[in-house]
Amino acid sequence: MSLIIDIVQGLGGIFLGLINIYIWVIIIAALLSFVNPDPYNPIVQFLYRITQPAYRLVRKYIKTDFGGLDLAPLVIIIALQVIVVLLSSVLRSLH
């Protein structure tokens, strides 16, 4: 049984790491949107492809445009932080 718990905790740790990386990607993409970067830059295109599906999902259910300021990145970051806290507490309780 200890092996299964170790595997679940390891996979949970990887998942938490991926969530944290995605949070940083969203922060970087949101900051880049303020400076209007070159849309043909491969890094900008990569960030756009990675973040836009999540933005569309949030915008589908919540109005996020307030006075020209898009709050979709903030909503996504808050939701991901809630998931991180819940998943961390579940993984800690397994041990």
PDB file of N, CA and C in Angstrom:
ATOM      1  N   MET A   1       0.819  -1.191   0.000  1.00  0.00           N
ATOM      2  CA  MET A   1       0.000   0.000   0.000  1.00  0.00           C
ATOM      3  C   MET A   1       0.864   1.257   0.000  1.00  0.00           C
ATOM      4  N   SER A   2       2.025   1.179   0.639  1.00  0.00           N
ATOM      5  CA  SER A   2       2.919   2.324   0.700  1.00  0.00           C
ATOM      6  C   SER A   2       3.440   2.691  -0.690  1.00  0.00           C
ATOM      7  N   LEU A   3       3.631   1.698  -1.554  1.00  0.00           N
ATOM      8  CA  LEU A   3       4.103   1.948  -2.908  1.00  0.00           C
ATOM      9  C   LEU A   3       3.071   2.749  -3.699  1.00  0.00           C
ATOM     10  N   ILE A   4       1.815   2.409  -3.553  1.00  0.00           N
ATOM     11  CA  ILE A   4       0.745   3.125  -4.258  1.00  0.00           C
ATOM     12  C   ILE A   4       0.665   4.569  -3.779  1.00  0.00           C
ATOM     13  N   ILE A   5       0.794   4.767  -2.485  1.00  0.00           N
ATOM     14  CA  ILE A   5       0.759   6.129  -1.926  1.00  0.00           C
ATOM     15  C   ILE A   5       1.945   6.931  -2.448  1.00  0.00           C
ATOM     16  N   ASP A   6       3.110   6.307  -2.501  1.00  0.00           N
ATOM     17  CA  ASP A   6       4.293   6.997  -3.029  1.00  0.00           C
ATOM     18  C   ASP A   6       4.115   7.372  -4.495  1.00  0.00           C
ATOM     19  N   ILE A   7       3.535   6.470  -5.271  1.00  0.00           N
ATOM     20  CA  ILE A   7       3.286   6.759  -6.685  1.00  0.00           C
ATOM     21  C   ILE A   7       2.292   7.896  -6.838  1.00  0.00           C
ATOM     22  N   VAL A   8       1.207   7.856  -6.066  1.00  0.00           N
ATOM     23  CA  VAL A   8       0.193   8.925  -6.130  1.00  0.00           C
ATOM     24  C   VAL A   8       0.802  10.258  -5.715  1.00  0.00           C
ATOM     25  N   GLN A   9       1.609  10.248  -4.665  1.00  0.00           N
ATOM     26  CA  GLN A   9       2.252  11.493  -4.233  1.00  0.00           C
ATOM     27  C   GLN A   9       3.246  12.000  -5.273  1.00  0.00           C
ATOM     28  N   GLY A  10       3.956  11.104  -5.912  1.00  0.00           N
ATOM     29  CA  GLY A  10       4.884  11.508  -6.964  1.00  0.00           C
ATOM     30  C   GLY A  10       4.161  12.116  -8.156  1.00  0.00           C
ATOM     31  N   LEU A  11       3.095  11.465  -8.594  1.00  0.00           N
ATOM     32  CA  LEU A  11       2.305  12.002  -9.701  1.00  0.00           C
ATOM     33  C   LEU A  11       1.641  13.320  -9.311  1.00  0.00           C
ATOM     34  N   GLY A  12       1.188  13.401  -8.069  1.00  0.00           N
ATOM     35  CA  GLY A  12       0.602  14.652  -7.590  1.00  0.00           C
ATOM     36  C   GLY A  12       1.616  15.775  -7.567  1.00  0.00           C
ATOM     37  N   GLY A  13       2.844  15.461  -7.172  1.00  0.00           N
ATOM     38  CA  GLY A  13       3.912  16.463  -7.178  1.00  0.00           C
ATOM     39  C   GLY A  13       4.228  16.949  -8.586  1.00  0.00           C
ATOM     40  N   ILE A  14       4.233  16.022  -9.543  1.00  0.00           N
ATOM     41  CA  ILE A  14       4.458  16.411 -10.939  1.00  0.00           C
ATOM     42  C   ILE A  14       3.320  17.306 -11.418  1.00  0.00           C
ATOM     43  N   PHE A  15       2.102  16.932 -11.089  1.00  0.00           N
ATOM     44  CA  PHE A  15       0.941  17.722 -11.488  1.00  0.00           C
ATOM     45  C   PHE A  15       0.991  19.117 -10.866  1.00  0.00           C
ATOM     46  N   LEU A  16       1.374  19.207  -9.603  1.00  0.00           N
ATOM     47  CA  LEU A  16       1.511  20.513  -8.952  1.00  0.00           C
ATOM     48  C   LEU A  16       2.584  21.347  -9.628  1.00  0.00           C
ATOM     49  N   GLY A  17       3.671  20.719 -10.010  1.00  0.00           N
ATOM     50  CA  GLY A  17       4.725  21.436 -10.718  1.00  0.00           C
ATOM     51  C   GLY A  17       4.248  21.973 -12.057  1.00  0.00           C
ATOM     52  N   LEU A  18       3.491  21.167 -12.783  1.00  0.00           N
ATOM     53  CA  LEU A  18       2.954  21.613 -14.071  1.00  0.00           C
ATOM     54  C   LEU A  18       1.966  22.773 -13.895  1.00  0.00           C
ATOM     55  N   ILE A  19       1.172  22.709 -12.848  1.00  0.00           N
ATOM     56  CA  ILE A  19       0.237  23.813 -12.581  1.00  0.00           C
ATOM     57  C   ILE A  19       1.020  25.089 -12.288  1.00  0.00           C
ATOM     58  N   ASN A  20       2.065  24.989 -11.488  1.00  0.00           N
ATOM     59  CA  ASN A  20       2.870  26.177 -11.168  1.00  0.00           C
ATOM     60  C   ASN A  20       3.555  26.749 -12.410  1.00  0.00           C
ATOM     61  N   ILE A  21       4.030  25.890 -13.284  1.00  0.00           N
ATOM     62  CA  ILE A  21       4.629  26.367 -14.534  1.00  0.00           C
ATOM     63  C   ILE A  21       3.575  27.090 -15.366  1.00  0.00           C
ATOM     64  N   TYR A  22       2.374  26.524 -15.451  1.00  0.00           N
ATOM     65  CA  TYR A  22       1.306  27.148 -16.237  1.00  0.00           C
ATOM     66  C   TYR A  22       0.896  28.496 -15.648  1.00  0.00           C
ATOM     67  N   ILE A  23       0.915  28.609 -14.338  1.00  0.00           N
ATOM     68  CA  ILE A  23       0.619  29.900 -13.709  1.00  0.00           C
ATOM     69  C   ILE A  23       1.643  30.938 -14.158  1.00  0.00           C
ATOM     70  N   TRP A  24       2.914  30.571 -14.197  1.00  0.00           N
ATOM     71  CA  TRP A  24       3.951  31.511 -14.645  1.00  0.00           C
ATOM     72  C   TRP A  24       3.802  31.847 -16.124  1.00  0.00           C
ATOM     73  N   VAL A  25       3.384  30.873 -16.924  1.00  0.00           N
ATOM     74  CA  VAL A  25       3.152  31.141 -18.348  1.00  0.00           C
ATOM     75  C   VAL A  25       2.030  32.163 -18.503  1.00  0.00           C
ATOM     76  N   ILE A  26       0.974  32.027 -17.731  1.00  0.00           N
ATOM     77  CA  ILE A  26      -0.138  32.981 -17.794  1.00  0.00           C
ATOM     78  C   ILE A  26       0.326  34.369 -17.354  1.00  0.00           C
ATOM     79  N   ILE A  27       1.124  34.423 -16.299  1.00  0.00           N
ATOM     80  CA  ILE A  27       1.625  35.726 -15.837  1.00  0.00           C
ATOM     81  C   ILE A  27       2.488  36.379 -16.913  1.00  0.00           C
ATOM     82  N   ILE A  28       3.365  35.627 -17.524  1.00  0.00           N
ATOM     83  CA  ILE A  28       4.232  36.177 -18.568  1.00  0.00           C
ATOM     84  C   ILE A  28       3.406  36.637 -19.764  1.00  0.00           C
ATOM     85  N   ALA A  29       2.432  35.828 -20.174  1.00  0.00           N
ATOM     86  CA  ALA A  29       1.593  36.208 -21.317  1.00  0.00           C
ATOM     87  C   ALA A  29       0.782  37.458 -21.009  1.00  0.00           C
ATOM     88  N   ALA A  30       0.288  37.567 -19.782  1.00  0.00           N
ATOM     89  CA  ALA A  30      -0.490  38.753 -19.406  1.00  0.00           C
ATOM     90  C   ALA A  30       0.391  39.997 -19.394  1.00  0.00           C
ATOM     91  N   LEU A  31       1.608  39.871 -18.883  1.00  0.00           N
ATOM     92  CA  LEU A  31       2.514  41.018 -18.885  1.00  0.00           C
ATOM     93  C   LEU A  31       2.923  41.410 -20.306  1.00  0.00           C
ATOM     94  N   LEU A  32       3.117  40.426 -21.166  1.00  0.00           N
ATOM     95  CA  LEU A  32       3.469  40.723 -22.555  1.00  0.00           C
ATOM     96  C   LEU A  32       2.336  41.440 -23.292  1.00  0.00           C
ATOM     97  N   SER A  33       1.102  41.170 -22.905  1.00  0.00           N
ATOM     98  CA  SER A  33      -0.020  41.816 -23.586  1.00  0.00           C
ATOM     99  C   SER A  33      -0.024  43.326 -23.355  1.00  0.00           C
ATOM    100  N   PHE A  34       0.631  43.785 -22.307  1.00  0.00           N
ATOM    101  CA  PHE A  34       0.690  45.225 -22.037  1.00  0.00           C
ATOM    102  C   PHE A  34       1.665  45.949 -22.957  1.00  0.00           C
ATOM    103  N   VAL A  35       2.675  45.241 -23.481  1.00  0.00           N
ATOM    104  CA  VAL A  35       3.687  45.893 -24.312  1.00  0.00           C
ATOM    105  C   VAL A  35       3.465  45.671 -25.803  1.00  0.00           C
ATOM    106  N   ASN A  36       2.414  44.936 -26.170  1.00  0.00           N
ATOM    107  CA  ASN A  36       2.066  44.685 -27.571  1.00  0.00           C
ATOM    108  C   ASN A  36       3.261  44.117 -28.345  1.00  0.00           C
ATOM    109  N   PRO A  37       3.645  42.859 -28.060  1.00  0.00           N
ATOM    110  CA  PRO A  37       4.828  42.274 -28.701  1.00  0.00           C
ATOM    111  C   PRO A  37       4.565  41.913 -30.166  1.00  0.00           C
ATOM    112  N   ASP A  38       5.623  41.577 -30.857  1.00  0.00           N
ATOM    113  CA  ASP A  38       5.535  41.155 -32.253  1.00  0.00           C
ATOM    114  C   ASP A  38       4.743  39.843 -32.337  1.00  0.00           C
ATOM    115  N   PRO A  39       3.602  39.829 -33.044  1.00  0.00           N
ATOM    116  CA  PRO A  39       2.788  38.607 -33.095  1.00  0.00           C
ATOM    117  C   PRO A  39       3.435  37.467 -33.873  1.00  0.00           C
ATOM    118  N   TYR A  40       4.495  37.750 -34.627  1.00  0.00           N
ATOM    119  CA  TYR A  40       5.172  36.702 -35.394  1.00  0.00           C
ATOM    120  C   TYR A  40       6.338  36.077 -34.638  1.00  0.00           C
ATOM    121  N   ASN A  41       6.627  36.589 -33.467  1.00  0.00           N
ATOM    122  CA  ASN A  41       7.681  36.020 -32.632  1.00  0.00           C
ATOM    123  C   ASN A  41       7.242  34.624 -32.179  1.00  0.00           C
ATOM    124  N   PRO A  42       8.086  33.605 -32.349  1.00  0.00           N
ATOM    125  CA  PRO A  42       7.690  32.245 -31.984  1.00  0.00           C
ATOM    126  C   PRO A  42       7.341  32.083 -30.504  1.00  0.00           C
ATOM    127  N   ILE A  43       8.019  32.813 -29.646  1.00  0.00           N
ATOM    128  CA  ILE A  43       7.715  32.715 -28.215  1.00  0.00           C
ATOM    129  C   ILE A  43       6.336  33.292 -27.931  1.00  0.00           C
ATOM    130  N   VAL A  44       6.028  34.411 -28.544  1.00  0.00           N
ATOM    131  CA  VAL A  44       4.711  35.031 -28.365  1.00  0.00           C
ATOM    132  C   VAL A  44       3.626  34.110 -28.914  1.00  0.00           C
ATOM    133  N   GLN A  45       3.866  33.498 -30.063  1.00  0.00           N
ATOM    134  CA  GLN A  45       2.894  32.570 -30.635  1.00  0.00           C
ATOM    135  C   GLN A  45       2.690  31.360 -29.731  1.00  0.00           C
ATOM    136  N   PHE A  46       3.782  30.849 -29.159  1.00  0.00           N
ATOM    137  CA  PHE A  46       3.677  29.718 -28.235  1.00  0.00           C
ATOM    138  C   PHE A  46       2.845  30.090 -27.012  1.00  0.00           C
ATOM    139  N   LEU A  47       3.132  31.243 -26.423  1.00  0.00           N
ATOM    140  CA  LEU A  47       2.373  31.683 -25.250  1.00  0.00           C
ATOM    141  C   LEU A  47       0.901  31.874 -25.594  1.00  0.00           C
ATOM    142  N   TYR A  48       0.628  32.409 -26.781  1.00  0.00           N
ATOM    143  CA  TYR A  48      -0.750  32.609 -27.220  1.00  0.00           C
ATOM    144  C   TYR A  48      -1.463  31.262 -27.362  1.00  0.00           C
ATOM    145  N   ARG A  49      -0.808  30.290 -28.001  1.00  0.00           N
ATOM    146  CA  ARG A  49      -1.428  28.971 -28.181  1.00  0.00           C
ATOM    147  C   ARG A  49      -1.659  28.249 -26.860  1.00  0.00           C
ATOM    148  N   ILE A  50      -0.800  28.473 -25.901  1.00  0.00           N
ATOM    149  CA  ILE A  50      -0.928  27.797 -24.610  1.00  0.00           C
ATOM    150  C   ILE A  50      -2.007  28.432 -23.737  1.00  0.00           C
ATOM    151  N   THR A  51      -2.155  29.749 -23.792  1.00  0.00           N
ATOM    152  CA  THR A  51      -3.065  30.430 -22.871  1.00  0.00           C
ATOM    153  C   THR A  51      -4.463  30.677 -23.428  1.00  0.00           C
ATOM    154  N   GLN A  52      -4.597  30.839 -24.731  1.00  0.00           N
ATOM    155  CA  GLN A  52      -5.897  31.204 -25.284  1.00  0.00           C
ATOM    156  C   GLN A  52      -7.003  30.176 -25.041  1.00  0.00           C
ATOM    157  N   PRO A  53      -6.753  28.870 -25.087  1.00  0.00           N
ATOM    158  CA  PRO A  53      -7.849  27.930 -24.773  1.00  0.00           C
ATOM    159  C   PRO A  53      -8.419  28.132 -23.367  1.00  0.00           C
ATOM    160  N   ALA A  54      -7.560  28.382 -22.398  1.00  0.00           N
ATOM    161  CA  ALA A  54      -8.038  28.614 -21.028  1.00  0.00           C
ATOM    162  C   ALA A  54      -8.794  29.934 -20.939  1.00  0.00           C
ATOM    163  N   TYR A  55      -8.280  30.960 -21.623  1.00  0.00           N
ATOM    164  CA  TYR A  55      -8.973  32.255 -21.636  1.00  0.00           C
ATOM    165  C   TYR A  55     -10.361  32.109 -22.246  1.00  0.00           C
ATOM    166  N   ARG A  56     -10.463  31.383 -23.358  1.00  0.00           N
ATOM    167  CA  ARG A  56     -11.766  31.195 -24.007  1.00  0.00           C
ATOM    168  C   ARG A  56     -12.743  30.474 -23.093  1.00  0.00           C
ATOM    169  N   LEU A  57     -12.247  29.467 -22.382  1.00  0.00           N
ATOM    170  CA  LEU A  57     -13.112  28.721 -21.466  1.00  0.00           C
ATOM    171  C   LEU A  57     -13.663  29.632 -20.373  1.00  0.00           C
ATOM    172  N   VAL A  58     -12.812  30.462 -19.798  1.00  0.00           N
ATOM    173  CA  VAL A  58     -13.251  31.371 -18.736  1.00  0.00           C
ATOM    174  C   VAL A  58     -14.202  32.410 -19.302  1.00  0.00           C
ATOM    175  N   ARG A  59     -13.871  32.975 -20.451  1.00  0.00           N
ATOM    176  CA  ARG A  59     -14.718  34.015 -21.057  1.00  0.00           C
ATOM    177  C   ARG A  59     -16.077  33.477 -21.476  1.00  0.00           C
ATOM    178  N   LYS A  60     -16.161  32.189 -21.713  1.00  0.00           N
ATOM    179  CA  LYS A  60     -17.429  31.563 -22.099  1.00  0.00           C
ATOM    180  C   LYS A  60     -18.442  31.621 -20.951  1.00  0.00           C
ATOM    181  N   TYR A  61     -17.961  31.530 -19.721  1.00  0.00           N
ATOM    182  CA  TYR A  61     -18.849  31.469 -18.559  1.00  0.00           C
ATOM    183  C   TYR A  61     -18.868  32.738 -17.717  1.00  0.00           C
ATOM    184  N   ILE A  62     -17.818  33.543 -17.791  1.00  0.00           N
ATOM    185  CA  ILE A  62     -17.714  34.736 -16.944  1.00  0.00           C
ATOM    186  C   ILE A  62     -17.356  35.932 -17.806  1.00  0.00           C
ATOM    187  N   LYS A  63     -18.014  37.055 -17.560  1.00  0.00           N
ATOM    188  CA  LYS A  63     -17.647  38.296 -18.237  1.00  0.00           C
ATOM    189  C   LYS A  63     -16.355  38.799 -17.578  1.00  0.00           C
ATOM    190  N   THR A  64     -15.283  38.863 -18.356  1.00  0.00           N
ATOM    191  CA  THR A  64     -13.984  39.224 -17.779  1.00  0.00           C
ATOM    192  C   THR A  64     -13.443  40.544 -18.302  1.00  0.00           C
ATOM    193  N   ASP A  65     -14.143  41.200 -19.226  1.00  0.00           N
ATOM    194  CA  ASP A  65     -13.665  42.462 -19.794  1.00  0.00           C
ATOM    195  C   ASP A  65     -14.305  43.623 -19.045  1.00  0.00           C
ATOM    196  N   PHE A  66     -13.493  44.332 -18.281  1.00  0.00           N
ATOM    197  CA  PHE A  66     -13.973  45.471 -17.511  1.00  0.00           C
ATOM    198  C   PHE A  66     -13.184  46.706 -17.914  1.00  0.00           C
ATOM    199  N   GLY A  67     -13.802  47.562 -18.702  1.00  0.00           N
ATOM    200  CA  GLY A  67     -13.156  48.805 -19.105  1.00  0.00           C
ATOM    201  C   GLY A  67     -11.906  48.591 -19.936  1.00  0.00           C
ATOM    202  N   GLY A  68     -11.909  47.577 -20.792  1.00  0.00           N
ATOM    203  CA  GLY A  68     -10.749  47.302 -21.620  1.00  0.00           C
ATOM    204  C   GLY A  68      -9.686  46.456 -20.946  1.00  0.00           C
ATOM    205  N   LEU A  69      -9.882  46.119 -19.683  1.00  0.00           N
ATOM    206  CA  LEU A  69      -8.931  45.282 -18.950  1.00  0.00           C
ATOM    207  C   LEU A  69      -9.504  43.875 -18.844  1.00  0.00           C
ATOM    208  N   ASP A  70      -8.785  42.908 -19.373  1.00  0.00           N
ATOM    209  CA  ASP A  70      -9.236  41.521 -19.352  1.00  0.00           C
ATOM    210  C   ASP A  70      -8.766  40.850 -18.065  1.00  0.00           C
ATOM    211  N   LEU A  71      -9.710  40.369 -17.289  1.00  0.00           N
ATOM    212  CA  LEU A  71      -9.374  39.735 -16.011  1.00  0.00           C
ATOM    213  C   LEU A  71      -9.351  38.209 -16.092  1.00  0.00           C
ATOM    214  N   ALA A  72      -9.424  37.649 -17.309  1.00  0.00           N
ATOM    215  CA  ALA A  72      -9.388  36.198 -17.457  1.00  0.00           C
ATOM    216  C   ALA A  72      -8.110  35.586 -16.872  1.00  0.00           C
ATOM    217  N   PRO A  73      -6.926  36.192 -17.085  1.00  0.00           N
ATOM    218  CA  PRO A  73      -5.729  35.598 -16.462  1.00  0.00           C
ATOM    219  C   PRO A  73      -5.818  35.551 -14.933  1.00  0.00           C
ATOM    220  N   LEU A  74      -6.375  36.588 -14.346  1.00  0.00           N
ATOM    221  CA  LEU A  74      -6.515  36.616 -12.886  1.00  0.00           C
ATOM    222  C   LEU A  74      -7.455  35.522 -12.399  1.00  0.00           C
ATOM    223  N   VAL A  75      -8.574  35.339 -13.099  1.00  0.00           N
ATOM    224  CA  VAL A  75      -9.536  34.293 -12.729  1.00  0.00           C
ATOM    225  C   VAL A  75      -8.876  32.921 -12.826  1.00  0.00           C
ATOM    226  N   ILE A  76      -8.127  32.697 -13.884  1.00  0.00           N
ATOM    227  CA  ILE A  76      -7.462  31.403 -14.070  1.00  0.00           C
ATOM    228  C   ILE A  76      -6.409  31.171 -12.995  1.00  0.00           C
ATOM    229  N   ILE A  77      -5.631  32.185 -12.678  1.00  0.00           N
ATOM    230  CA  ILE A  77      -4.593  32.038 -11.651  1.00  0.00           C
ATOM    231  C   ILE A  77      -5.212  31.744 -10.289  1.00  0.00           C
ATOM    232  N   ILE A  78      -6.292  32.429  -9.956  1.00  0.00           N
ATOM    233  CA  ILE A  78      -6.957  32.165  -8.673  1.00  0.00           C
ATOM    234  C   ILE A  78      -7.495  30.739  -8.633  1.00  0.00           C
ATOM    235  N   ALA A  79      -8.124  30.299  -9.721  1.00  0.00           N
ATOM    236  CA  ALA A  79      -8.658  28.935  -9.763  1.00  0.00           C
ATOM    237  C   ALA A  79      -7.532  27.905  -9.645  1.00  0.00           C
ATOM    238  N   LEU A  80      -6.433  28.143 -10.330  1.00  0.00           N
ATOM    239  CA  LEU A  80      -5.313  27.214 -10.242  1.00  0.00           C
ATOM    240  C   LEU A  80      -4.685  27.204  -8.852  1.00  0.00           C
ATOM    241  N   GLN A  81      -4.637  28.343  -8.204  1.00  0.00           N
ATOM    242  CA  GLN A  81      -4.101  28.393  -6.831  1.00  0.00           C
ATOM    243  C   GLN A  81      -4.996  27.613  -5.874  1.00  0.00           C
ATOM    244  N   VAL A  82      -6.306  27.689  -6.076  1.00  0.00           N
ATOM    245  CA  VAL A  82      -7.231  26.902  -5.247  1.00  0.00           C
ATOM    246  C   VAL A  82      -6.971  25.413  -5.463  1.00  0.00           C
ATOM    247  N   ILE A  83      -6.785  25.017  -6.713  1.00  0.00           N
ATOM    248  CA  ILE A  83      -6.487  23.616  -7.012  1.00  0.00           C
ATOM    249  C   ILE A  83      -5.173  23.192  -6.363  1.00  0.00           C
ATOM    250  N   VAL A  84      -4.168  24.051  -6.400  1.00  0.00           N
ATOM    251  CA  VAL A  84      -2.873  23.737  -5.779  1.00  0.00           C
ATOM    252  C   VAL A  84      -3.040  23.513  -4.281  1.00  0.00           C
ATOM    253  N   VAL A  85      -3.779  24.389  -3.630  1.00  0.00           N
ATOM    254  CA  VAL A  85      -3.973  24.258  -2.175  1.00  0.00           C
ATOM    255  C   VAL A  85      -4.729  22.966  -1.850  1.00  0.00           C
ATOM    256  N   LEU A  86      -5.801  22.690  -2.591  1.00  0.00           N
ATOM    257  CA  LEU A  86      -6.582  21.489  -2.317  1.00  0.00           C
ATOM    258  C   LEU A  86      -5.774  20.224  -2.596  1.00  0.00           C
ATOM    259  N   LEU A  87      -5.088  20.191  -3.719  1.00  0.00           N
ATOM    260  CA  LEU A  87      -4.305  19.013  -4.058  1.00  0.00           C
ATOM    261  C   LEU A  87      -3.146  18.811  -3.085  1.00  0.00           C
ATOM    262  N   SER A  88      -2.520  19.888  -2.658  1.00  0.00           N
ATOM    263  CA  SER A  88      -1.432  19.773  -1.685  1.00  0.00           C
ATOM    264  C   SER A  88      -1.934  19.197  -0.369  1.00  0.00           C
ATOM    265  N   SER A  89      -3.100  19.652   0.074  1.00  0.00           N
ATOM    266  CA  SER A  89      -3.625  19.133   1.337  1.00  0.00           C
ATOM    267  C   SER A  89      -4.025  17.671   1.212  1.00  0.00           C
ATOM    268  N   VAL A  90      -4.551  17.274   0.061  1.00  0.00           N
ATOM    269  CA  VAL A  90      -4.894  15.863  -0.140  1.00  0.00           C
ATOM    270  C   VAL A  90      -3.632  15.008  -0.159  1.00  0.00           C
ATOM    271  N   LEU A  91      -2.607  15.479  -0.844  1.00  0.00           N
ATOM    272  CA  LEU A  91      -1.358  14.702  -0.912  1.00  0.00           C
ATOM    273  C   LEU A  91      -0.676  14.613   0.456  1.00  0.00           C
ATOM    274  N   ARG A  92      -0.757  15.667   1.257  1.00  0.00           N
ATOM    275  CA  ARG A  92      -0.174  15.621   2.599  1.00  0.00           C
ATOM    276  C   ARG A  92      -0.951  14.664   3.503  1.00  0.00           C
ATOM    277  N   SER A  93      -2.251  14.582   3.297  1.00  0.00           N
ATOM    278  CA  SER A  93      -3.057  13.717   4.161  1.00  0.00           C
ATOM    279  C   SER A  93      -2.844  12.240   3.855  1.00  0.00           C
ATOM    280  N   LEU A  94      -2.280  11.925   2.696  1.00  0.00           N
ATOM    281  CA  LEU A  94      -2.039  10.527   2.337  1.00  0.00           C
ATOM    282  C   LEU A  94      -0.905   9.926   3.159  1.00  0.00           C
ATOM    283  N   HIS A  95      -0.014  10.730   3.620  1.00  0.00           N
ATOM    284  CA  HIS A  95       1.161  10.214   4.309  1.00  0.00           C
ATOM    285  C   HIS A  95       0.917   9.999   5.722  1.00  0.00           C
TER     286      HIS A  95
END
